Amino acid sequence: MSHKWGWGLLLVFLAAAGVTFYLFYELPETAHPAADITDLSGLYSAEKEIAAARQELTTAEPAQVITADSSGSRQIALVLDGLPDRSTTARLLDLFQTHQIPVAFFVEGQNAAEQPETIKLLQESGQEIGNFTFVGIAAAQNLPQEKLLGQICRTQKVLETLTGQAPSLFRAPRTRFTEALLKAVTAAGIDKAVYANVVLPRGQLHSPADAAAFVSTIPAGSIVAIAAGDPVDVKKMEEGKTDDRPAIDKKPTIQTDESAGAQTVDSLAEETEWLLSALEQQGISVRPLSAARSIHVLPAVLTTPLNDTLPGQEAAQHE
């Protein structure tokens, strides 16, 4: 009898081991998401892709830039800068579906790797997914060429791995669209960069009235970016003061000494809902980015507005 029990236990053990092996190694990547990995620095190194982009860079033409138009049309385009957490993303997608609004989500490669299920939600929604660099790096035009290609190519690899399709659109926070940067975008296999002439920082709207006032200032034909996270500063990254991780849906609701007694900042989804309602109430429709104009010749100043002023450049809300 003891031998039978021993064989039975052995069979149970082997079966459990087989199931574990199948779940971890054989199922798609979403069965064991990269969120369980504490260091993703080598997971999507994209060495071959970076080398190929480096070769392309010698003959690459600057990417076209999708930007606002001055036709006077009561239409705008919406983009979301940074990947929120899964629950916030799900609520945002519900809002956009309810209002029947197309939105391009620009996501960080690192956040995407840590949240494959969130990327799956975006893919299933049919909304556009764009490249927001690997960590949401600010002032990307100041990066050395190799690091810039790394930021773009690694994000391309992550998103292509998770969705089966590499992004065709690029953005980066507080970034000047220089010729060198736009050539790097093309070399990495991206068709167009997106310039938003209006940026809505997170925590700016505290009520529907705030949203109505904000919408009333948006010029017709604008591209409006909703900021969902905090950019990573180049200097801090190079000094090793960051682990290359952008903030994932950072909710600034905890009061600090500076904010004690101040009004609690509303959630990203709530602010977005107020924004969408205000757009509808003021008769402004939202069109896809594909309907916006693309340009080859850059304006003298083309920097993401409503953020820190770049050296030698005057910040402006509108183009």
Protein backbone atom coordinates (compact mmCIF):
# COMPACT_ATOMS: atom_id res chain seq x y z
CA MET A 1 0.00 0.00 0.00
CA SER A 2 2.86 2.40 0.87
CA HIS A 3 4.36 1.84 -2.58
CA LYS A 4 1.04 2.77 -4.22
CA TRP A 5 0.85 5.97 -2.17
CA GLY A 6 4.45 6.77 -3.14
CA TRP A 7 3.75 6.29 -6.84
CA GLY A 8 0.57 8.34 -6.54
CA LEU A 9 2.39 11.24 -4.92
CA LEU A 10 5.10 11.06 -7.57
CA LEU A 11 2.53 11.23 -10.36
CA VAL A 12 0.84 14.21 -8.70
CA PHE A 13 4.20 15.97 -8.39
CA LEU A 14 5.11 15.31 -12.02
CA ALA A 15 1.70 16.56 -13.21
CA ALA A 16 2.05 19.76 -11.18
CA ALA A 17 5.55 20.31 -12.54
CA GLY A 18 4.28 19.80 -16.09
CA VAL A 19 1.48 22.33 -15.65
CA THR A 20 3.89 24.86 -14.15
CA PHE A 21 6.31 24.42 -17.05
CA TYR A 22 3.50 24.90 -19.58
CA LEU A 23 2.11 28.01 -17.92
CA PHE A 24 5.48 29.68 -17.58
CA TYR A 25 7.23 28.74 -20.79
CA GLU A 26 4.63 27.76 -23.34
CA LEU A 27 1.77 30.22 -22.91
CA PRO A 28 2.02 33.67 -24.51
CA GLU A 29 3.98 36.40 -22.75
CA THR A 30 0.89 37.67 -20.95
CA ALA A 31 0.80 34.46 -18.88
CA HIS A 32 3.87 35.66 -17.00
CA PRO A 33 3.93 39.44 -17.48
CA ALA A 34 7.13 41.41 -17.33
CA ALA A 35 5.74 43.24 -14.29
CA ASP A 36 7.26 40.44 -12.20
CA ILE A 37 10.75 41.35 -13.43
CA THR A 38 12.43 44.01 -11.31
CA ASP A 39 15.14 44.92 -13.85
CA LEU A 40 14.02 45.20 -17.46
CA SER A 41 17.22 46.84 -18.72
CA GLY A 42 18.27 43.78 -20.71
CA LEU A 43 14.88 42.34 -21.55
CA TYR A 44 14.38 44.45 -24.67
CA SER A 45 17.92 45.49 -25.52
CA ALA A 46 17.12 45.75 -29.26
CA GLU A 47 20.81 45.61 -30.14
CA LYS A 48 20.15 44.44 -33.72
CA GLU A 49 17.46 47.07 -34.20
CA ILE A 50 19.73 49.82 -32.89
CA ALA A 51 22.56 48.70 -35.17
CA ALA A 52 20.21 48.71 -38.16
CA ALA A 53 18.92 52.19 -37.25
CA ARG A 54 22.49 53.42 -36.94
CA GLN A 55 23.10 52.31 -40.53
CA GLU A 56 19.85 53.87 -41.75
CA LEU A 57 20.75 57.14 -40.08
CA THR A 58 23.41 57.92 -42.68
CA THR A 59 20.80 58.31 -45.43
CA ALA A 60 17.60 58.92 -43.43
CA GLU A 61 15.33 61.83 -44.26
CA PRO A 62 13.68 63.70 -41.36
CA ALA A 63 10.31 62.25 -40.37
CA GLN A 64 7.22 64.23 -41.24
CA VAL A 65 5.55 66.07 -38.37
CA ILE A 66 1.83 65.88 -37.69
CA THR A 67 0.80 69.25 -36.32
CA ALA A 68 -2.11 71.65 -35.88
CA ASP A 69 -3.75 73.33 -38.84
CA SER A 70 -5.14 76.83 -39.24
CA SER A 71 -8.17 76.00 -41.34
CA GLY A 72 -10.55 77.20 -38.63
CA SER A 73 -12.30 73.83 -38.45
CA ARG A 74 -14.06 73.11 -35.15
CA GLN A 75 -12.09 69.90 -34.80
CA ILE A 76 -9.11 68.84 -32.74
CA ALA A 77 -7.07 65.66 -32.30
CA LEU A 78 -6.36 64.10 -28.90
CA VAL A 79 -3.27 62.22 -27.71
CA LEU A 80 -2.47 60.78 -24.30
CA ASP A 81 1.14 61.04 -23.13
CA GLY A 82 2.26 58.12 -20.96
CA LEU A 83 0.75 54.74 -20.09
CA PRO A 84 -1.50 54.82 -16.99
CA ASP A 85 -2.12 51.74 -14.85
CA ARG A 86 -4.52 49.09 -16.11
CA SER A 87 -7.61 50.22 -14.21
CA THR A 88 -7.20 53.86 -15.24
CA THR A 89 -6.56 52.84 -18.84
CA ALA A 90 -9.71 50.70 -18.84
CA ARG A 91 -11.81 53.60 -17.55
CA LEU A 92 -10.30 55.97 -20.12
CA LEU A 93 -11.04 53.53 -22.91
CA ASP A 94 -14.65 53.27 -21.71
CA LEU A 95 -14.91 57.07 -21.81
CA PHE A 96 -13.48 57.31 -25.31
CA GLN A 97 -15.80 54.55 -26.52
CA THR A 98 -18.84 56.20 -24.92
CA HIS A 99 -18.00 59.53 -26.55
CA GLN A 100 -16.90 57.77 -29.77
CA ILE A 101 -13.57 59.58 -29.74
CA PRO A 102 -10.32 58.39 -31.38
CA VAL A 103 -7.25 58.93 -29.19
CA ALA A 104 -3.61 58.04 -29.81
CA PHE A 105 -1.92 56.58 -26.71
CA PHE A 106 1.82 57.31 -26.60
CA VAL A 107 3.37 54.81 -24.21
CA GLU A 108 6.78 54.30 -22.63
CA GLY A 109 8.53 51.06 -23.58
CA GLN A 110 9.36 50.27 -19.96
CA ASN A 111 5.79 50.73 -18.79
CA ALA A 112 4.51 48.68 -21.70
CA ALA A 113 6.87 45.82 -20.82
CA GLU A 114 5.66 45.90 -17.23
CA GLN A 115 1.99 46.06 -18.23
CA PRO A 116 1.38 43.71 -21.16
CA GLU A 117 -2.27 43.29 -20.17
CA THR A 118 -2.75 47.08 -20.36
CA ILE A 119 -1.25 47.09 -23.84
CA LYS A 120 -3.61 44.26 -24.75
CA LEU A 121 -6.55 46.44 -23.65
CA LEU A 122 -5.31 49.26 -25.88
CA GLN A 123 -4.84 46.94 -28.83
CA GLU A 124 -8.31 45.46 -28.45
CA SER A 125 -9.83 48.95 -28.24
CA GLY A 126 -8.56 49.84 -31.70
CA GLN A 127 -6.96 53.06 -30.47
CA GLU A 128 -3.59 54.03 -31.96
CA ILE A 129 -0.46 53.15 -29.93
CA GLY A 130 2.58 55.40 -30.36
CA ASN A 131 6.20 55.48 -29.21
CA PHE A 132 6.85 57.76 -26.20
CA THR A 133 10.52 56.66 -25.77
CA PHE A 134 11.53 53.92 -23.36
CA VAL A 135 11.13 55.97 -20.17
CA GLY A 136 9.26 59.06 -21.33
CA ILE A 137 12.51 61.00 -21.58
CA ALA A 138 12.22 64.78 -21.59
CA ALA A 139 14.23 66.97 -23.99
CA ALA A 140 15.06 63.93 -26.11
CA GLN A 141 16.87 66.12 -28.63
CA ASN A 142 19.68 66.53 -26.07
CA LEU A 143 20.43 62.80 -25.88
CA PRO A 144 23.59 61.46 -27.56
CA GLN A 145 22.74 59.72 -30.82
CA GLU A 146 23.27 56.20 -29.46
CA LYS A 147 21.06 56.78 -26.41
CA LEU A 148 18.37 58.41 -28.52
CA LEU A 149 18.28 55.43 -30.88
CA GLY A 150 18.19 53.14 -27.86
CA GLN A 151 15.20 54.95 -26.35
CA ILE A 152 13.25 54.77 -29.60
CA CYS A 153 14.28 51.32 -30.84
CA ARG A 154 13.77 49.54 -27.52
CA THR A 155 10.25 50.92 -27.32
CA GLN A 156 9.59 49.82 -30.89
CA LYS A 157 10.73 46.31 -30.00
CA VAL A 158 8.61 46.11 -26.84
CA LEU A 159 5.45 47.25 -28.58
CA GLU A 160 6.00 45.11 -31.65
CA THR A 161 6.59 42.10 -29.40
CA LEU A 162 3.41 42.73 -27.42
CA THR A 163 1.11 43.75 -30.28
CA GLY A 164 2.65 42.27 -33.40
CA GLN A 165 2.97 45.73 -34.94
CA ALA A 166 5.60 48.42 -34.46
CA PRO A 167 4.28 51.96 -33.87
CA SER A 168 4.30 54.42 -36.76
CA LEU A 169 4.02 57.54 -34.57
CA PHE A 170 6.50 59.19 -32.16
CA ARG A 171 6.32 61.76 -29.37
CA ALA A 172 8.50 62.77 -26.43
CA PRO A 173 7.80 65.25 -23.62
CA ARG A 174 9.32 68.76 -23.65
CA THR A 175 11.24 67.89 -26.80
CA ARG A 176 12.43 70.17 -29.61
CA PHE A 177 11.87 68.54 -32.99
CA THR A 178 15.30 69.06 -34.53
CA GLU A 179 16.45 67.67 -37.86
CA ALA A 180 18.76 65.21 -36.08
CA LEU A 181 15.97 63.90 -33.88
CA LEU A 182 13.56 63.50 -36.80
CA LYS A 183 16.20 61.60 -38.77
CA ALA A 184 16.62 59.25 -35.79
CA VAL A 185 12.84 58.72 -35.76
CA THR A 186 12.91 57.73 -39.43
CA ALA A 187 15.96 55.50 -38.96
CA ALA A 188 14.10 53.62 -36.22
CA GLY A 189 11.31 52.81 -38.66
CA ILE A 190 8.73 55.40 -37.57
CA ASP A 191 6.86 57.38 -40.21
CA LYS A 192 5.82 60.51 -38.35
CA ALA A 193 6.38 62.54 -35.19
CA VAL A 194 3.43 64.27 -33.51
CA TYR A 195 3.58 67.84 -32.26
CA ALA A 196 0.83 68.85 -29.83
CA ASN A 197 0.39 72.61 -29.72
CA VAL A 198 -1.68 72.36 -26.51
CA VAL A 199 -0.81 70.23 -23.48
CA LEU A 200 -3.13 69.59 -20.53
CA PRO A 201 -0.99 68.86 -17.45
CA ARG A 202 -2.42 66.37 -15.02
CA GLY A 203 -4.14 67.98 -12.05
CA GLN A 204 -5.00 71.22 -13.84
CA LEU A 205 -8.75 70.59 -13.97
CA HIS A 206 -10.65 70.49 -10.69
CA SER A 207 -14.21 70.85 -11.94
CA PRO A 208 -16.37 70.86 -15.09
CA ALA A 209 -16.09 74.66 -15.02
CA ASP A 210 -12.30 74.40 -15.22
CA ALA A 211 -12.66 72.07 -18.20
CA ALA A 212 -15.05 74.46 -19.96
CA ALA A 213 -12.64 77.36 -19.43
CA PHE A 214 -9.72 75.31 -20.73
CA VAL A 215 -11.58 74.14 -23.84
CA SER A 216 -12.58 77.72 -24.66
CA THR A 217 -8.87 78.57 -25.07
CA ILE A 218 -8.07 75.75 -27.52
CA PRO A 219 -7.55 77.06 -31.08
CA ALA A 220 -9.48 75.29 -33.84
CA GLY A 221 -7.48 72.54 -35.52
CA SER A 222 -5.27 71.91 -32.49
CA ILE A 223 -3.60 68.72 -31.38
CA VAL A 224 -4.17 68.42 -27.62
CA ALA A 225 -2.02 66.18 -25.43
CA ILE A 226 -3.32 64.90 -22.08
CA ALA A 227 -0.32 64.33 -19.81
CA ALA A 228 -0.69 61.07 -17.88
CA GLY A 229 2.72 60.78 -16.22
CA ASP A 230 5.89 62.59 -15.20
CA PRO A 231 8.72 62.90 -17.76
CA VAL A 232 12.20 61.59 -16.89
CA ASP A 233 14.88 64.26 -16.91
CA VAL A 234 17.96 63.52 -19.05
CA LYS A 235 20.42 64.84 -16.45
CA LYS A 236 18.94 62.80 -13.64
CA MET A 237 18.94 59.66 -15.77
CA GLU A 238 22.61 60.12 -16.69
CA GLU A 239 23.57 60.82 -13.08
CA GLY A 240 21.99 57.54 -12.05
CA LYS A 241 19.33 59.18 -9.89
CA THR A 242 16.59 57.20 -11.59
CA ASP A 243 16.14 53.52 -12.33
CA ASP A 244 14.89 54.33 -15.84
CA ARG A 245 11.32 53.89 -14.72
CA PRO A 246 8.76 56.56 -15.58
CA ALA A 247 5.98 57.12 -13.11
CA ILE A 248 3.10 54.74 -13.83
CA ASP A 249 -0.18 56.59 -13.37
CA LYS A 250 1.22 58.64 -10.52
CA LYS A 251 -1.74 59.96 -8.54
CA PRO A 252 -0.72 63.15 -6.68
CA THR A 253 -3.46 62.88 -4.11
CA ILE A 254 -1.31 62.66 -0.97
CA GLN A 255 -0.84 66.08 0.56
CA THR A 256 2.71 67.31 1.17
CA ASP A 257 3.82 70.25 3.29
CA GLU A 258 3.44 72.48 0.23
CA SER A 259 -0.01 71.18 -0.68
CA ALA A 260 -1.49 70.76 2.77
CA GLY A 261 -4.94 72.25 2.80
CA ALA A 262 -5.06 72.48 -0.99
CA GLN A 263 -7.82 70.90 -2.99
CA THR A 264 -7.20 67.22 -3.71
CA VAL A 265 -6.20 66.66 -7.34
CA ASP A 266 -8.83 64.83 -9.32
CA SER A 267 -8.08 61.56 -11.05
CA LEU A 268 -6.91 61.43 -14.63
CA ALA A 269 -10.10 59.69 -15.73
CA GLU A 270 -12.31 62.28 -14.04
CA GLU A 271 -10.42 65.18 -15.58
CA THR A 272 -10.63 63.51 -18.97
CA GLU A 273 -14.37 63.00 -18.59
CA TRP A 274 -14.84 66.71 -17.84
CA LEU A 275 -12.70 67.57 -20.85
CA LEU A 276 -14.70 65.37 -23.23
CA SER A 277 -18.02 66.76 -21.96
CA ALA A 278 -16.75 70.34 -22.36
CA LEU A 279 -15.66 69.62 -25.94
CA GLU A 280 -19.12 68.29 -26.79
CA GLN A 281 -20.89 71.20 -25.09
CA GLN A 282 -18.83 73.70 -27.07
CA GLY A 283 -19.40 71.91 -30.38
CA ILE A 284 -15.81 70.76 -30.89
CA SER A 285 -15.39 67.31 -32.44
CA VAL A 286 -12.36 65.05 -32.20
CA ARG A 287 -10.80 63.64 -35.34
CA PRO A 288 -8.11 60.94 -35.68
CA LEU A 289 -4.49 61.97 -36.07
CA SER A 290 -4.55 60.54 -39.57
CA ALA A 291 -6.83 63.42 -40.56
CA ALA A 292 -4.42 66.07 -39.24
CA ARG A 293 -1.92 67.76 -41.52
CA SER A 294 1.68 66.62 -41.89
CA ILE A 295 4.57 68.95 -42.69
CA HIS A 296 8.16 68.53 -43.86
CA VAL A 297 9.38 72.04 -43.09
CA LEU A 298 9.56 72.77 -39.37
CA PRO A 299 8.58 76.06 -37.77
CA ALA A 300 11.50 77.93 -36.21
CA VAL A 301 10.32 76.84 -32.78
CA LEU A 302 8.58 73.53 -32.33
CA THR A 303 8.67 72.54 -28.70
CA THR A 304 6.04 70.86 -26.55
CA PRO A 305 4.24 73.76 -24.83
CA LEU A 306 2.94 74.29 -21.31
CA ASN A 307 6.03 72.72 -19.76
CA ASP A 308 9.44 73.85 -18.61
CA THR A 309 11.10 76.27 -21.00
CA LEU A 310 14.02 74.76 -22.89
CA PRO A 311 17.29 76.73 -22.80
CA GLY A 312 17.29 79.51 -25.33
CA GLN A 313 13.67 79.00 -26.21
CA GLU A 314 10.50 80.78 -25.21
CA ALA A 315 7.68 78.52 -24.03
CA ALA A 316 4.40 79.15 -25.80
CA GLN A 317 0.99 77.62 -25.45
CA HIS A 318 0.21 77.66 -29.12
CA GLU A 319 2.13 77.28 -32.33
